[in-house]
């Protein structure tokens, strides 16, 4: 999990990635509050209280509160050496 924040602290988002059943996945999460941390968000993928987080269809692109497009995707989702492209524009 990677946490990104603008210098002004107005925009916080996370890139969450992992592998489940040999299949890589990635998700983008806009922080629900400005001081959100990975420690608070990551358990939402495992505790079952947030079915949206555990859904098979993860987000690969969002439009942030500051009107940026944030997109992520694996260059090649096969094998053991995975490359993830993160584009913030």
N, C-alpha and C. Protein backbone atom coordinates (compact mmCIF):
# COMPACT_ATOMS: atom_id res chain seq x y z
N UNK A 1 0.85 -1.17 0.00
CA UNK A 1 0.00 0.00 0.00
C UNK A 1 0.90 1.23 0.00
N UNK A 2 0.58 2.17 -0.90
CA UNK A 2 1.31 3.43 -1.00
C UNK A 2 0.35 4.58 -0.70
N UNK A 3 0.81 5.54 0.08
CA UNK A 3 0.00 6.71 0.42
C UNK A 3 0.59 7.92 -0.30
N UNK A 4 -0.27 8.68 -0.98
CA UNK A 4 0.13 9.89 -1.68
C UNK A 4 -0.63 11.06 -1.08
N UNK A 5 0.07 12.22 -0.94
CA UNK A 5 -0.57 13.42 -0.42
C UNK A 5 0.06 14.64 -1.07
N UNK A 6 -0.77 15.60 -1.46
CA UNK A 6 -0.24 16.84 -2.03
C UNK A 6 0.47 17.63 -0.93
N UNK A 7 1.34 18.54 -1.34
CA UNK A 7 2.06 19.36 -0.38
C UNK A 7 1.12 20.18 0.50
N UNK A 8 0.00 20.57 -0.06
CA UNK A 8 -0.98 21.35 0.70
C UNK A 8 -1.81 20.47 1.62
N UNK A 9 -1.73 19.16 1.45
CA UNK A 9 -2.49 18.23 2.29
C UNK A 9 -3.96 18.16 1.97
N UNK A 10 -4.37 18.72 0.82
CA UNK A 10 -5.78 18.73 0.45
C UNK A 10 -6.22 17.45 -0.22
N UNK A 11 -5.29 16.71 -0.75
CA UNK A 11 -5.63 15.51 -1.51
C UNK A 11 -4.78 14.34 -1.01
N UNK A 12 -5.44 13.32 -0.52
CA UNK A 12 -4.77 12.11 -0.03
C UNK A 12 -5.43 10.92 -0.70
N UNK A 13 -4.61 10.03 -1.26
CA UNK A 13 -5.15 8.80 -1.81
C UNK A 13 -4.13 7.68 -1.64
N UNK A 14 -4.62 6.46 -1.77
CA UNK A 14 -3.80 5.27 -1.57
C UNK A 14 -3.84 4.40 -2.82
N UNK A 15 -2.74 3.75 -3.12
CA UNK A 15 -2.69 2.70 -4.12
C UNK A 15 -2.47 1.41 -3.34
N UNK A 16 -3.41 0.50 -3.44
CA UNK A 16 -3.34 -0.76 -2.71
C UNK A 16 -3.14 -1.86 -3.74
N UNK A 17 -2.17 -2.73 -3.51
CA UNK A 17 -1.93 -3.80 -4.47
C UNK A 17 -1.60 -5.09 -3.74
N UNK A 18 -1.85 -6.18 -4.43
CA UNK A 18 -1.57 -7.49 -3.86
C UNK A 18 -1.78 -8.59 -4.87
N UNK A 19 -1.65 -9.81 -4.38
CA UNK A 19 -1.85 -10.99 -5.20
C UNK A 19 -2.77 -11.93 -4.43
N UNK A 20 -3.81 -12.40 -5.09
CA UNK A 20 -4.75 -13.36 -4.49
C UNK A 20 -4.95 -14.50 -5.47
N UNK A 21 -4.73 -15.72 -5.00
CA UNK A 21 -4.85 -16.91 -5.86
C UNK A 21 -4.03 -16.74 -7.14
N UNK A 22 -2.81 -16.26 -6.98
CA UNK A 22 -1.86 -16.07 -8.10
C UNK A 22 -2.30 -15.00 -9.09
N UNK A 23 -3.31 -14.22 -8.75
CA UNK A 23 -3.79 -13.16 -9.64
C UNK A 23 -3.53 -11.80 -8.98
N UNK A 24 -2.72 -10.93 -9.62
CA UNK A 24 -2.47 -9.61 -9.03
C UNK A 24 -3.70 -8.71 -9.13
N UNK A 25 -3.86 -7.87 -8.13
CA UNK A 25 -4.96 -6.91 -8.11
C UNK A 25 -4.43 -5.56 -7.65
N UNK A 26 -5.17 -4.51 -7.94
CA UNK A 26 -4.80 -3.16 -7.53
C UNK A 26 -6.07 -2.36 -7.30
N UNK A 27 -6.00 -1.42 -6.38
CA UNK A 27 -7.16 -0.59 -6.07
C UNK A 27 -6.66 0.82 -5.75
N UNK A 28 -7.50 1.81 -6.00
CA UNK A 28 -7.21 3.20 -5.65
C UNK A 28 -8.27 3.63 -4.64
N UNK A 29 -7.81 4.22 -3.54
CA UNK A 29 -8.73 4.64 -2.49
C UNK A 29 -8.48 6.11 -2.20
N UNK A 30 -9.53 6.94 -2.33
CA UNK A 30 -9.41 8.32 -1.87
C UNK A 30 -9.59 8.31 -0.36
N UNK A 31 -8.74 9.02 0.33
CA UNK A 31 -8.78 9.03 1.80
C UNK A 31 -10.09 9.63 2.29
N UNK A 32 -10.73 8.96 3.24
CA UNK A 32 -11.99 9.48 3.77
C UNK A 32 -11.79 10.69 4.69
N UNK A 33 -10.56 10.91 5.17
CA UNK A 33 -10.22 12.06 6.01
C UNK A 33 -8.76 12.41 5.74
N UNK A 34 -8.35 13.66 5.92
CA UNK A 34 -7.01 14.11 5.52
C UNK A 34 -5.84 13.38 6.18
N UNK A 35 -5.98 12.96 7.42
CA UNK A 35 -4.87 12.29 8.10
C UNK A 35 -5.00 10.77 8.09
N UNK A 36 -5.73 10.23 7.13
CA UNK A 36 -5.90 8.78 7.01
C UNK A 36 -4.53 8.14 6.78
N UNK A 37 -4.37 6.95 7.33
CA UNK A 37 -3.08 6.26 7.19
C UNK A 37 -3.30 4.84 6.65
N UNK A 38 -2.23 4.27 6.17
CA UNK A 38 -2.27 2.88 5.69
C UNK A 38 -2.69 1.94 6.81
N UNK A 39 -2.26 2.24 8.02
CA UNK A 39 -2.58 1.39 9.18
C UNK A 39 -4.09 1.32 9.39
N UNK A 40 -4.80 2.40 9.11
CA UNK A 40 -6.26 2.42 9.28
C UNK A 40 -7.00 1.81 8.09
N UNK A 41 -6.51 2.03 6.87
CA UNK A 41 -7.21 1.61 5.66
C UNK A 41 -6.98 0.14 5.32
N UNK A 42 -5.75 -0.35 5.44
CA UNK A 42 -5.42 -1.71 5.00
C UNK A 42 -6.30 -2.79 5.63
N UNK A 43 -6.62 -2.75 6.93
CA UNK A 43 -7.48 -3.80 7.49
C UNK A 43 -8.86 -3.90 6.87
N UNK A 44 -9.32 -2.84 6.21
CA UNK A 44 -10.63 -2.87 5.56
C UNK A 44 -10.68 -3.92 4.45
N UNK A 45 -9.54 -4.34 3.94
CA UNK A 45 -9.50 -5.37 2.89
C UNK A 45 -9.61 -6.78 3.47
N UNK A 46 -9.53 -6.91 4.77
CA UNK A 46 -9.47 -8.24 5.37
C UNK A 46 -10.53 -8.51 6.43
N UNK A 47 -11.16 -7.48 6.99
CA UNK A 47 -12.07 -7.73 8.11
C UNK A 47 -13.51 -8.04 7.73
N UNK A 48 -13.88 -7.88 6.46
CA UNK A 48 -15.23 -8.23 6.01
C UNK A 48 -16.28 -7.16 6.30
N UNK A 49 -15.93 -6.09 6.98
CA UNK A 49 -16.88 -5.03 7.28
C UNK A 49 -17.08 -4.08 6.10
N UNK A 50 -16.18 -4.14 5.13
CA UNK A 50 -16.24 -3.24 3.99
C UNK A 50 -16.25 -4.06 2.70
N UNK A 51 -17.42 -4.60 2.33
CA UNK A 51 -17.47 -5.46 1.14
C UNK A 51 -17.02 -4.77 -0.15
N UNK A 52 -17.14 -3.45 -0.21
CA UNK A 52 -16.69 -2.72 -1.39
C UNK A 52 -15.18 -2.91 -1.58
N UNK A 53 -14.44 -2.90 -0.49
CA UNK A 53 -12.99 -3.07 -0.56
C UNK A 53 -12.62 -4.48 -1.02
N UNK A 54 -13.41 -5.45 -0.65
CA UNK A 54 -13.09 -6.85 -0.96
C UNK A 54 -13.67 -7.31 -2.30
N UNK A 55 -14.37 -6.43 -3.00
CA UNK A 55 -15.00 -6.80 -4.27
C UNK A 55 -13.94 -7.15 -5.31
N UNK A 56 -14.31 -8.02 -6.21
CA UNK A 56 -13.38 -8.47 -7.25
C UNK A 56 -13.02 -7.35 -8.21
N UNK A 57 -13.96 -6.46 -8.47
CA UNK A 57 -13.71 -5.36 -9.41
C UNK A 57 -13.12 -4.18 -8.66
N UNK A 58 -11.82 -4.05 -8.68
CA UNK A 58 -11.15 -2.95 -8.01
C UNK A 58 -11.06 -1.76 -8.95
N UNK A 59 -10.88 -0.59 -8.39
CA UNK A 59 -10.77 0.63 -9.20
C UNK A 59 -9.38 0.73 -9.81
N UNK A 60 -9.32 1.04 -11.08
CA UNK A 60 -8.04 1.23 -11.74
C UNK A 60 -7.87 2.67 -12.23
N UNK A 61 -8.92 3.49 -12.03
CA UNK A 61 -8.83 4.90 -12.43
C UNK A 61 -9.88 5.69 -11.65
N UNK A 62 -9.47 6.87 -11.16
CA UNK A 62 -10.41 7.75 -10.47
C UNK A 62 -10.13 9.19 -10.88
N UNK A 63 -11.09 10.06 -10.59
CA UNK A 63 -10.90 11.50 -10.71
C UNK A 63 -10.93 12.03 -9.29
N UNK A 64 -9.82 12.62 -8.87
CA UNK A 64 -9.66 13.05 -7.48
C UNK A 64 -10.43 14.32 -7.19
N UNK A 65 -10.44 14.68 -5.89
CA UNK A 65 -11.12 15.89 -5.47
C UNK A 65 -10.48 17.14 -6.07
N UNK A 66 -9.22 17.06 -6.43
CA UNK A 66 -8.51 18.18 -7.06
C UNK A 66 -8.56 18.08 -8.59
N UNK A 67 -9.45 17.24 -9.12
CA UNK A 67 -9.69 17.07 -10.56
C UNK A 67 -8.50 16.48 -11.31
N UNK A 68 -7.75 15.64 -10.65
CA UNK A 68 -6.67 14.91 -11.29
C UNK A 68 -7.19 13.53 -11.69
N UNK A 69 -6.63 13.00 -12.75
CA UNK A 69 -6.93 11.62 -13.11
C UNK A 69 -5.79 10.76 -12.57
N UNK A 70 -6.16 9.77 -11.79
CA UNK A 70 -5.18 8.85 -11.22
C UNK A 70 -5.52 7.48 -11.76
N UNK A 71 -4.55 6.86 -12.43
CA UNK A 71 -4.80 5.53 -12.98
C UNK A 71 -3.62 4.62 -12.68
N UNK A 72 -3.94 3.36 -12.51
CA UNK A 72 -2.93 2.34 -12.22
C UNK A 72 -3.22 1.10 -13.06
N UNK A 73 -2.19 0.35 -13.33
CA UNK A 73 -2.38 -0.89 -14.08
C UNK A 73 -1.06 -1.64 -14.16
N UNK A 74 -1.16 -2.94 -14.16
CA UNK A 74 0.03 -3.77 -14.30
C UNK A 74 0.46 -3.78 -15.76
N UNK A 75 1.75 -3.59 -15.98
CA UNK A 75 2.29 -3.64 -17.33
C UNK A 75 2.11 -5.04 -17.89
N UNK A 76 2.40 -6.03 -17.07
CA UNK A 76 2.19 -7.44 -17.41
C UNK A 76 1.80 -8.14 -16.13
N UNK A 77 0.62 -8.71 -16.08
CA UNK A 77 0.11 -9.33 -14.86
C UNK A 77 0.43 -10.82 -14.78
N UNK A 78 1.44 -11.25 -15.50
CA UNK A 78 1.82 -12.67 -15.50
C UNK A 78 3.21 -12.81 -14.88
N UNK A 79 3.47 -13.97 -14.30
CA UNK A 79 4.80 -14.26 -13.79
C UNK A 79 5.04 -13.72 -12.40
N UNK A 80 6.32 -13.69 -12.02
CA UNK A 80 6.71 -13.30 -10.66
C UNK A 80 7.27 -11.90 -10.57
N UNK A 81 7.64 -11.29 -11.70
CA UNK A 81 8.19 -9.94 -11.71
C UNK A 81 7.14 -8.99 -12.27
N UNK A 82 6.33 -8.45 -11.37
CA UNK A 82 5.23 -7.57 -11.78
C UNK A 82 5.68 -6.12 -11.80
N UNK A 83 5.23 -5.39 -12.81
CA UNK A 83 5.48 -3.96 -12.92
C UNK A 83 4.14 -3.23 -12.90
N UNK A 84 4.05 -2.24 -12.02
CA UNK A 84 2.82 -1.46 -11.89
C UNK A 84 3.07 -0.05 -12.40
N UNK A 85 2.24 0.41 -13.31
CA UNK A 85 2.30 1.78 -13.80
C UNK A 85 1.31 2.63 -13.02
N UNK A 86 1.80 3.75 -12.44
CA UNK A 86 0.95 4.71 -11.73
C UNK A 86 1.06 6.02 -12.48
N UNK A 87 -0.09 6.55 -12.93
CA UNK A 87 -0.11 7.81 -13.67
C UNK A 87 -0.99 8.79 -12.90
N UNK A 88 -0.40 9.93 -12.57
CA UNK A 88 -1.11 11.00 -11.88
C UNK A 88 -1.08 12.21 -12.80
N UNK A 89 -2.23 12.60 -13.30
CA UNK A 89 -2.24 13.68 -14.27
C UNK A 89 -3.35 14.65 -14.11
